[in-house]
Amino acid sequence: MDGASGGGQWMVTAQGCTYSRAQAPGRAPTWHLVLNPNHVGQPPSGRGCAAILR
């Protein structure tokens, strides 16, 4: 479910952190932590996850 390489909506890191992609027009995408990603079949994100990835 690694969306970073394919430009998808969801990305899960090796540490088990789940992120959702957001992008404003004319800006680079950002990835926002999803605390409870059950709707995409993932367990809750851990405490060591960054809130936003740029």
C-alpha atoms as a PDB file:
ATOM      1  CA  MET A   1       0.000   0.000   0.000  1.00  0.00           C
ATOM      2  CA  ASP A   2       2.936   2.341  -0.537  1.00  0.00           C
ATOM      3  CA  GLY A   3       1.373   5.246  -2.417  1.00  0.00           C
ATOM      4  CA  ALA A   4       4.449   7.465  -2.421  1.00  0.00           C
ATOM      5  CA  SER A   5       6.016   5.850  -5.452  1.00  0.00           C
ATOM      6  CA  GLY A   6       2.778   5.493  -7.406  1.00  0.00           C
ATOM      7  CA  GLY A   7       1.114   8.770  -6.496  1.00  0.00           C
ATOM      8  CA  GLY A   8      -1.719   7.014  -4.635  1.00  0.00           C
ATOM      9  CA  GLN A   9      -3.847   8.309  -1.770  1.00  0.00           C
ATOM     10  CA  TRP A  10      -2.346   6.165   1.025  1.00  0.00           C
ATOM     11  CA  MET A  11       1.180   5.376   2.162  1.00  0.00           C
ATOM     12  CA  VAL A  12       2.338   3.026   4.912  1.00  0.00           C
ATOM     13  CA  THR A  13       5.932   3.370   6.125  1.00  0.00           C
ATOM     14  CA  ALA A  14       8.174   0.516   7.254  1.00  0.00           C
ATOM     15  CA  GLN A  15       7.478   1.649  10.852  1.00  0.00           C
ATOM     16  CA  GLY A  16       3.727   1.054  10.377  1.00  0.00           C
ATOM     17  CA  CYS A  17       2.725   4.721  10.089  1.00  0.00           C
ATOM     18  CA  THR A  18      -0.197   5.337   7.709  1.00  0.00           C
ATOM     19  CA  TYR A  19      -0.414   8.626   5.787  1.00  0.00           C
ATOM     20  CA  SER A  20      -2.958  10.223   3.477  1.00  0.00           C
ATOM     21  CA  ARG A  21      -1.840  12.367   0.534  1.00  0.00           C
ATOM     22  CA  ALA A  22      -2.990  15.998   0.214  1.00  0.00           C
ATOM     23  CA  GLN A  23      -2.043  18.499  -2.471  1.00  0.00           C
ATOM     24  CA  ALA A  24      -3.105  22.088  -3.073  1.00  0.00           C
ATOM     25  CA  PRO A  25      -3.094  23.370  -6.674  1.00  0.00           C
ATOM     26  CA  GLY A  26       0.400  24.398  -7.725  1.00  0.00           C
ATOM     27  CA  ARG A  27       2.005  22.952  -4.574  1.00  0.00           C
ATOM     28  CA  ALA A  28       3.986  19.830  -3.770  1.00  0.00           C
ATOM     29  CA  PRO A  29       2.048  17.019  -2.075  1.00  0.00           C
ATOM     30  CA  THR A  30       2.152  16.532   1.698  1.00  0.00           C
ATOM     31  CA  TRP A  31       1.410  13.360   3.647  1.00  0.00           C
ATOM     32  CA  HIS A  32      -0.751  13.609   6.794  1.00  0.00           C
ATOM     33  CA  LEU A  33      -0.774  10.984   9.533  1.00  0.00           C
ATOM     34  CA  VAL A  34      -3.937   8.889   9.855  1.00  0.00           C
ATOM     35  CA  LEU A  35      -4.319   7.887  13.519  1.00  0.00           C
ATOM     36  CA  ASN A  36      -7.005   5.241  12.958  1.00  0.00           C
ATOM     37  CA  PRO A  37      -6.612   3.831   9.423  1.00  0.00           C
ATOM     38  CA  ASN A  38      -8.999   0.897   9.871  1.00  0.00           C
ATOM     39  CA  HIS A  39     -10.891   1.930   6.715  1.00  0.00           C
ATOM     40  CA  VAL A  40      -7.799   1.062   4.642  1.00  0.00           C
ATOM     41  CA  GLY A  41      -7.116  -2.179   6.507  1.00  0.00           C
ATOM     42  CA  GLN A  42      -4.242  -0.953   8.685  1.00  0.00           C
ATOM     43  CA  PRO A  43      -3.753  -0.995  12.471  1.00  0.00           C
ATOM     44  CA  PRO A  44      -3.569   2.297  14.420  1.00  0.00           C
ATOM     45  CA  SER A  45      -0.427   4.372  13.753  1.00  0.00           C
ATOM     46  CA  GLY A  46       2.211   4.281  16.497  1.00  0.00           C
ATOM     47  CA  ARG A  47       3.428   7.043  18.756  1.00  0.00           C
ATOM     48  CA  GLY A  48       6.709   7.558  16.913  1.00  0.00           C
ATOM     49  CA  CYS A  49       5.056   8.711  13.667  1.00  0.00           C
ATOM     50  CA  ALA A  50       5.565  12.247  12.363  1.00  0.00           C
ATOM     51  CA  ALA A  51       2.322  14.224  11.956  1.00  0.00           C
ATOM     52  CA  ILE A  52       3.205  15.471   8.441  1.00  0.00           C
ATOM     53  CA  LEU A  53       5.736  14.366   5.818  1.00  0.00           C
ATOM     54  CA  ARG A  54       6.782  16.791   3.124  1.00  0.00           C
END
